[in-house]
PDB file of all heavy atoms in Angstrom:
ATOM      1  N   HIS A   1      52.508  48.172  65.847  1.00  0.00           N
ATOM      2  CA  HIS A   1      51.180  48.741  65.950  1.00  0.00           C
ATOM      3  C   HIS A   1      51.029  50.025  65.193  1.00  0.00           C
ATOM      4  O   HIS A   1      51.530  51.113  65.552  1.00  0.00           O
ATOM      5  CB  HIS A   1      50.847  49.045  67.502  1.00  0.00           C
ATOM      6  CG  HIS A   1      51.114  47.927  68.415  1.00  0.00           C
ATOM      7  ND1 HIS A   1      50.558  46.735  68.252  1.00  0.00           N
ATOM      8  CD2 HIS A   1      51.877  47.875  69.571  1.00  0.00           C
ATOM      9  CE1 HIS A   1      50.976  45.873  69.227  1.00  0.00           C
ATOM     10  NE2 HIS A   1      51.799  46.564  69.985  1.00  0.00           N
ATOM     11  N   ALA A   2      50.320  49.946  63.999  1.00  0.00           N
ATOM     12  CA  ALA A   2      49.968  51.110  63.191  1.00  0.00           C
ATOM     13  C   ALA A   2      48.941  50.630  62.180  1.00  0.00           C
ATOM     14  O   ALA A   2      48.930  49.482  61.724  1.00  0.00           O
ATOM     15  CB  ALA A   2      51.242  51.608  62.457  1.00  0.00           C
ATOM     16  N   GLY A   3      48.008  51.582  61.913  1.00  0.00           N
ATOM     17  CA  GLY A   3      47.022  51.181  60.947  1.00  0.00           C
ATOM     18  C   GLY A   3      47.574  51.078  59.548  1.00  0.00           C
ATOM     19  O   GLY A   3      47.399  50.044  58.856  1.00  0.00           O
ATOM     20  N   ALA A   4      48.408  52.018  59.124  1.00  0.00           N
ATOM     21  CA  ALA A   4      49.071  51.948  57.781  1.00  0.00           C
ATOM     22  C   ALA A   4      50.465  52.542  58.025  1.00  0.00           C
ATOM     23  O   ALA A   4      50.664  53.496  58.677  1.00  0.00           O
ATOM     24  CB  ALA A   4      48.352  52.628  56.756  1.00  0.00           C
ATOM     25  N   ILE A   5      51.489  51.908  57.387  1.00  0.00           N
ATOM     26  CA  ILE A   5      52.901  52.360  57.503  1.00  0.00           C
ATOM     27  C   ILE A   5      53.282  52.894  56.134  1.00  0.00           C
ATOM     28  O   ILE A   5      53.247  52.151  55.075  1.00  0.00           O
ATOM     29  CB  ILE A   5      53.755  51.266  57.992  1.00  0.00           C
ATOM     30  CG1 ILE A   5      53.323  50.617  59.249  1.00  0.00           C
ATOM     31  CG2 ILE A   5      55.234  51.751  58.042  1.00  0.00           C
ATOM     32  CD1 ILE A   5      54.013  49.392  59.681  1.00  0.00           C
ATOM     33  N   PHE A   6      53.680  54.134  56.063  1.00  0.00           N
ATOM     34  CA  PHE A   6      54.061  54.782  54.838  1.00  0.00           C
ATOM     35  C   PHE A   6      55.614  54.895  54.858  1.00  0.00           C
ATOM     36  O   PHE A   6      56.158  55.577  55.725  1.00  0.00           O
ATOM     37  CB  PHE A   6      53.450  56.175  54.683  1.00  0.00           C
ATOM     38  CG  PHE A   6      51.922  56.114  54.684  1.00  0.00           C
ATOM     39  CD1 PHE A   6      51.195  55.982  55.838  1.00  0.00           C
ATOM     40  CD2 PHE A   6      51.287  56.183  53.444  1.00  0.00           C
ATOM     41  CE1 PHE A   6      49.807  55.895  55.828  1.00  0.00           C
ATOM     42  CE2 PHE A   6      49.865  56.064  53.427  1.00  0.00           C
ATOM     43  CZ  PHE A   6      49.103  55.937  54.588  1.00  0.00           C
ATOM     44  N   MET A   7      56.225  54.168  53.964  1.00  0.00           N
ATOM     45  CA  MET A   7      57.714  54.041  54.027  1.00  0.00           C
ATOM     46  C   MET A   7      58.432  54.908  53.024  1.00  0.00           C
ATOM     47  O   MET A   7      58.267  54.886  51.884  1.00  0.00           O
ATOM     48  CB  MET A   7      58.085  52.571  53.820  1.00  0.00           C
ATOM     49  CG  MET A   7      57.417  51.647  54.910  1.00  0.00           C
ATOM     50  SD  MET A   7      57.955  49.922  54.667  1.00  0.00           S
ATOM     51  CE  MET A   7      57.131  49.488  53.212  1.00  0.00           C
ATOM     52  N   GLY A   8      59.393  55.710  53.515  1.00  0.00           N
ATOM     53  CA  GLY A   8      60.206  56.594  52.693  1.00  0.00           C
ATOM     54  C   GLY A   8      59.710  57.928  52.491  1.00  0.00           C
ATOM     55  O   GLY A   8      58.509  58.241  52.561  1.00  0.00           O
ATOM     56  N   ARG A   9      60.649  58.904  52.113  1.00  0.00           N
ATOM     57  CA  ARG A   9      60.249  60.333  52.050  1.00  0.00           C
ATOM     58  C   ARG A   9      59.262  60.610  50.861  1.00  0.00           C
ATOM     59  O   ARG A   9      58.596  61.667  50.967  1.00  0.00           O
ATOM     60  CB  ARG A   9      61.529  61.111  51.902  1.00  0.00           C
ATOM     61  CG  ARG A   9      62.305  60.957  50.627  1.00  0.00           C
ATOM     62  CD  ARG A   9      63.533  61.812  50.505  1.00  0.00           C
ATOM     63  NE  ARG A   9      64.446  61.577  51.553  1.00  0.00           N
ATOM     64  CZ  ARG A   9      65.502  60.765  51.432  1.00  0.00           C
ATOM     65  NH1 ARG A   9      65.640  60.077  50.255  1.00  0.00           N
ATOM     66  NH2 ARG A   9      66.347  60.489  52.373  1.00  0.00           N
ATOM     67  N   TYR A  10      59.215  59.728  49.826  1.00  0.00           N
ATOM     68  CA  TYR A  10      58.232  60.053  48.769  1.00  0.00           C
ATOM     69  C   TYR A  10      56.822  59.499  49.025  1.00  0.00           C
ATOM     70  O   TYR A  10      56.008  59.666  48.196  1.00  0.00           O
ATOM     71  CB  TYR A  10      58.830  59.472  47.490  1.00  0.00           C
ATOM     72  CG  TYR A  10      60.091  60.219  46.929  1.00  0.00           C
ATOM     73  CD1 TYR A  10      61.343  59.776  47.210  1.00  0.00           C
ATOM     74  CD2 TYR A  10      59.877  61.433  46.308  1.00  0.00           C
ATOM     75  CE1 TYR A  10      62.391  60.455  46.761  1.00  0.00           C
ATOM     76  CE2 TYR A  10      61.013  62.157  45.873  1.00  0.00           C
ATOM     77  CZ  TYR A  10      62.263  61.667  46.105  1.00  0.00           C
ATOM     78  OH  TYR A  10      63.340  62.445  45.646  1.00  0.00           O
ATOM     79  N   THR A  11      56.698  58.807  50.140  1.00  0.00           N
ATOM     80  CA  THR A  11      55.362  58.165  50.435  1.00  0.00           C
ATOM     81  C   THR A  11      54.558  58.973  51.315  1.00  0.00           C
ATOM     82  O   THR A  11      54.442  58.774  52.497  1.00  0.00           O
ATOM     83  CB  THR A  11      55.593  56.724  51.045  1.00  0.00           C
ATOM     84  OG1 THR A  11      56.615  56.080  50.243  1.00  0.00           O
ATOM     85  CG2 THR A  11      54.320  55.924  50.930  1.00  0.00           C
ATOM     86  N   GLY A  12      53.978  60.059  50.745  1.00  0.00           N
ATOM     87  CA  GLY A  12      53.087  60.935  51.521  1.00  0.00           C
ATOM     88  C   GLY A  12      51.840  60.213  51.890  1.00  0.00           C
ATOM     89  O   GLY A  12      51.266  59.428  51.085  1.00  0.00           O
ATOM     90  N   GLU A  13      51.352  60.458  53.088  1.00  0.00           N
ATOM     91  CA  GLU A  13      50.137  59.872  53.567  1.00  0.00           C
ATOM     92  C   GLU A  13      48.935  60.058  52.653  1.00  0.00           C
ATOM     93  O   GLU A  13      48.049  59.218  52.584  1.00  0.00           O
ATOM     94  CB  GLU A  13      49.838  60.293  55.041  1.00  0.00           C
ATOM     95  CG  GLU A  13      48.692  59.634  55.680  1.00  0.00           C
ATOM     96  CD  GLU A  13      47.300  60.253  55.252  1.00  0.00           C
ATOM     97  OE1 GLU A  13      47.329  61.524  55.003  1.00  0.00           O
ATOM     98  OE2 GLU A  13      46.282  59.617  55.229  1.00  0.00           O
ATOM     99  N   SER A  14      48.881  61.271  52.053  1.00  0.00           N
ATOM    100  CA  SER A  14      47.695  61.528  51.199  1.00  0.00           C
ATOM    101  C   SER A  14      47.580  60.618  49.998  1.00  0.00           C
ATOM    102  O   SER A  14      46.489  60.321  49.522  1.00  0.00           O
ATOM    103  CB  SER A  14      47.754  62.987  50.793  1.00  0.00           C
ATOM    104  OG  SER A  14      48.905  63.226  49.977  1.00  0.00           O
ATOM    105  N   LEU A  15      48.710  60.007  49.561  1.00  0.00           N
ATOM    106  CA  LEU A  15      48.638  59.057  48.478  1.00  0.00           C
ATOM    107  C   LEU A  15      47.865  57.814  48.961  1.00  0.00           C
ATOM    108  O   LEU A  15      47.078  57.227  48.119  1.00  0.00           O
ATOM    109  CB  LEU A  15      49.992  58.614  48.038  1.00  0.00           C
ATOM    110  CG  LEU A  15      50.887  59.748  47.511  1.00  0.00           C
ATOM    111  CD1 LEU A  15      52.277  59.166  46.940  1.00  0.00           C
ATOM    112  CD2 LEU A  15      50.211  60.438  46.290  1.00  0.00           C
ATOM    113  N   GLY A  16      47.990  57.445  50.171  1.00  0.00           N
ATOM    114  CA  GLY A  16      47.323  56.305  50.714  1.00  0.00           C
ATOM    115  C   GLY A  16      45.786  56.604  50.887  1.00  0.00           C
ATOM    116  O   GLY A  16      44.917  55.704  50.816  1.00  0.00           O
ATOM    117  N   ASP A  17      45.464  57.923  51.154  1.00  0.00           N
ATOM    118  CA  ASP A  17      44.034  58.295  51.298  1.00  0.00           C
ATOM    119  C   ASP A  17      43.279  58.071  49.943  1.00  0.00           C
ATOM    120  O   ASP A  17      42.085  57.797  49.993  1.00  0.00           O
ATOM    121  CB  ASP A  17      43.951  59.770  51.603  1.00  0.00           C
ATOM    122  CG  ASP A  17      44.052  59.986  53.142  1.00  0.00           C
ATOM    123  OD1 ASP A  17      43.994  59.032  53.860  1.00  0.00           O
ATOM    124  OD2 ASP A  17      44.193  61.203  53.506  1.00  0.00           O
ATOM    125  N   TYR A  18      43.961  58.247  48.869  1.00  0.00           N
ATOM    126  CA  TYR A  18      43.257  58.250  47.594  1.00  0.00           C
ATOM    127  C   TYR A  18      43.551  57.072  46.632  1.00  0.00           C
ATOM    128  O   TYR A  18      42.602  56.488  46.031  1.00  0.00           O
ATOM    129  CB  TYR A  18      43.599  59.566  46.835  1.00  0.00           C
ATOM    130  CG  TYR A  18      43.076  60.774  47.563  1.00  0.00           C
ATOM    131  CD1 TYR A  18      43.967  61.603  48.246  1.00  0.00           C
ATOM    132  CD2 TYR A  18      41.665  60.979  47.719  1.00  0.00           C
ATOM    133  CE1 TYR A  18      43.500  62.722  48.932  1.00  0.00           C
ATOM    134  CE2 TYR A  18      41.273  62.078  48.428  1.00  0.00           C
ATOM    135  CZ  TYR A  18      42.114  62.967  48.999  1.00  0.00           C
ATOM    136  OH  TYR A  18      41.654  64.054  49.697  1.00  0.00           O
ATOM    137  N   CYS A  19      44.715  56.758  46.362  1.00  0.00           N
ATOM    138  CA  CYS A  19      45.023  55.882  45.222  1.00  0.00           C
ATOM    139  C   CYS A  19      46.181  54.825  45.304  1.00  0.00           C
ATOM    140  O   CYS A  19      46.420  54.180  44.413  1.00  0.00           O
ATOM    141  CB  CYS A  19      45.241  56.738  44.045  1.00  0.00           C
ATOM    142  SG  CYS A  19      46.592  57.934  44.251  1.00  0.00           S
ATOM    143  N   ALA A  20      46.838  54.766  46.486  1.00  0.00           N
ATOM    144  CA  ALA A  20      48.005  53.850  46.561  1.00  0.00           C
ATOM    145  C   ALA A  20      47.493  52.393  46.408  1.00  0.00           C
ATOM    146  O   ALA A  20      48.131  51.604  45.679  1.00  0.00           O
ATOM    147  CB  ALA A  20      48.736  53.959  47.906  1.00  0.00           C
ATOM    148  N   GLY A  21      46.434  52.115  47.067  1.00  0.00           N
ATOM    149  CA  GLY A  21      45.909  50.683  46.922  1.00  0.00           C
ATOM    150  C   GLY A  21      45.262  50.193  48.242  1.00  0.00           C
ATOM    151  O   GLY A  21      44.119  49.775  48.321  1.00  0.00           O
ATOM    152  N   PRO A  22      46.093  50.195  49.308  1.00  0.00           N
ATOM    153  CA  PRO A  22      45.560  49.785  50.626  1.00  0.00           C
ATOM    154  C   PRO A  22      44.428  50.650  51.112  1.00  0.00           C
ATOM    155  O   PRO A  22      44.227  51.755  50.623  1.00  0.00           O
ATOM    156  CB  PRO A  22      46.722  49.850  51.629  1.00  0.00           C
ATOM    157  CG  PRO A  22      47.869  49.699  50.697  1.00  0.00           C
ATOM    158  CD  PRO A  22      47.510  50.407  49.350  1.00  0.00           C
ATOM    159  N   ASN A  23      43.594  50.122  51.971  1.00  0.00           N
ATOM    160  CA  ASN A  23      42.405  50.845  52.443  1.00  0.00           C
ATOM    161  C   ASN A  23      42.732  52.040  53.316  1.00  0.00           C
ATOM    162  O   ASN A  23      43.625  51.906  54.116  1.00  0.00           O
ATOM    163  CB  ASN A  23      41.425  49.839  53.140  1.00  0.00           C
ATOM    164  CG  ASN A  23      40.003  50.262  52.896  1.00  0.00           C
ATOM    165  OD1 ASN A  23      39.501  51.194  53.506  1.00  0.00           O
ATOM    166  ND2 ASN A  23      39.295  49.509  52.084  1.00  0.00           N
ATOM    167  N   HIS A  24      41.939  53.025  53.253  1.00  0.00           N
ATOM    168  CA  HIS A  24      42.175  54.175  54.095  1.00  0.00           C
ATOM    169  C   HIS A  24      41.259  54.185  55.348  1.00  0.00           C
ATOM    170  O   HIS A  24      41.329  55.154  56.169  1.00  0.00           O
ATOM    171  CB  HIS A  24      42.131  55.534  53.368  1.00  0.00           C
ATOM    172  CG  HIS A  24      40.668  56.004  53.072  1.00  0.00           C
ATOM    173  ND1 HIS A  24      40.437  57.052  52.134  1.00  0.00           N
ATOM    174  CD2 HIS A  24      39.492  55.680  53.487  1.00  0.00           C
ATOM    175  CE1 HIS A  24      39.153  57.292  52.100  1.00  0.00           C
ATOM    176  NE2 HIS A  24      38.612  56.479  52.918  1.00  0.00           N
TER     177      HIS A  24
END
């Protein structure tokens, strides 16, 4: 259960907010 899972120390959540690809 999680909306988005950011894996590994280089995967800051803010990258998902803007440009990683999956929806924020």
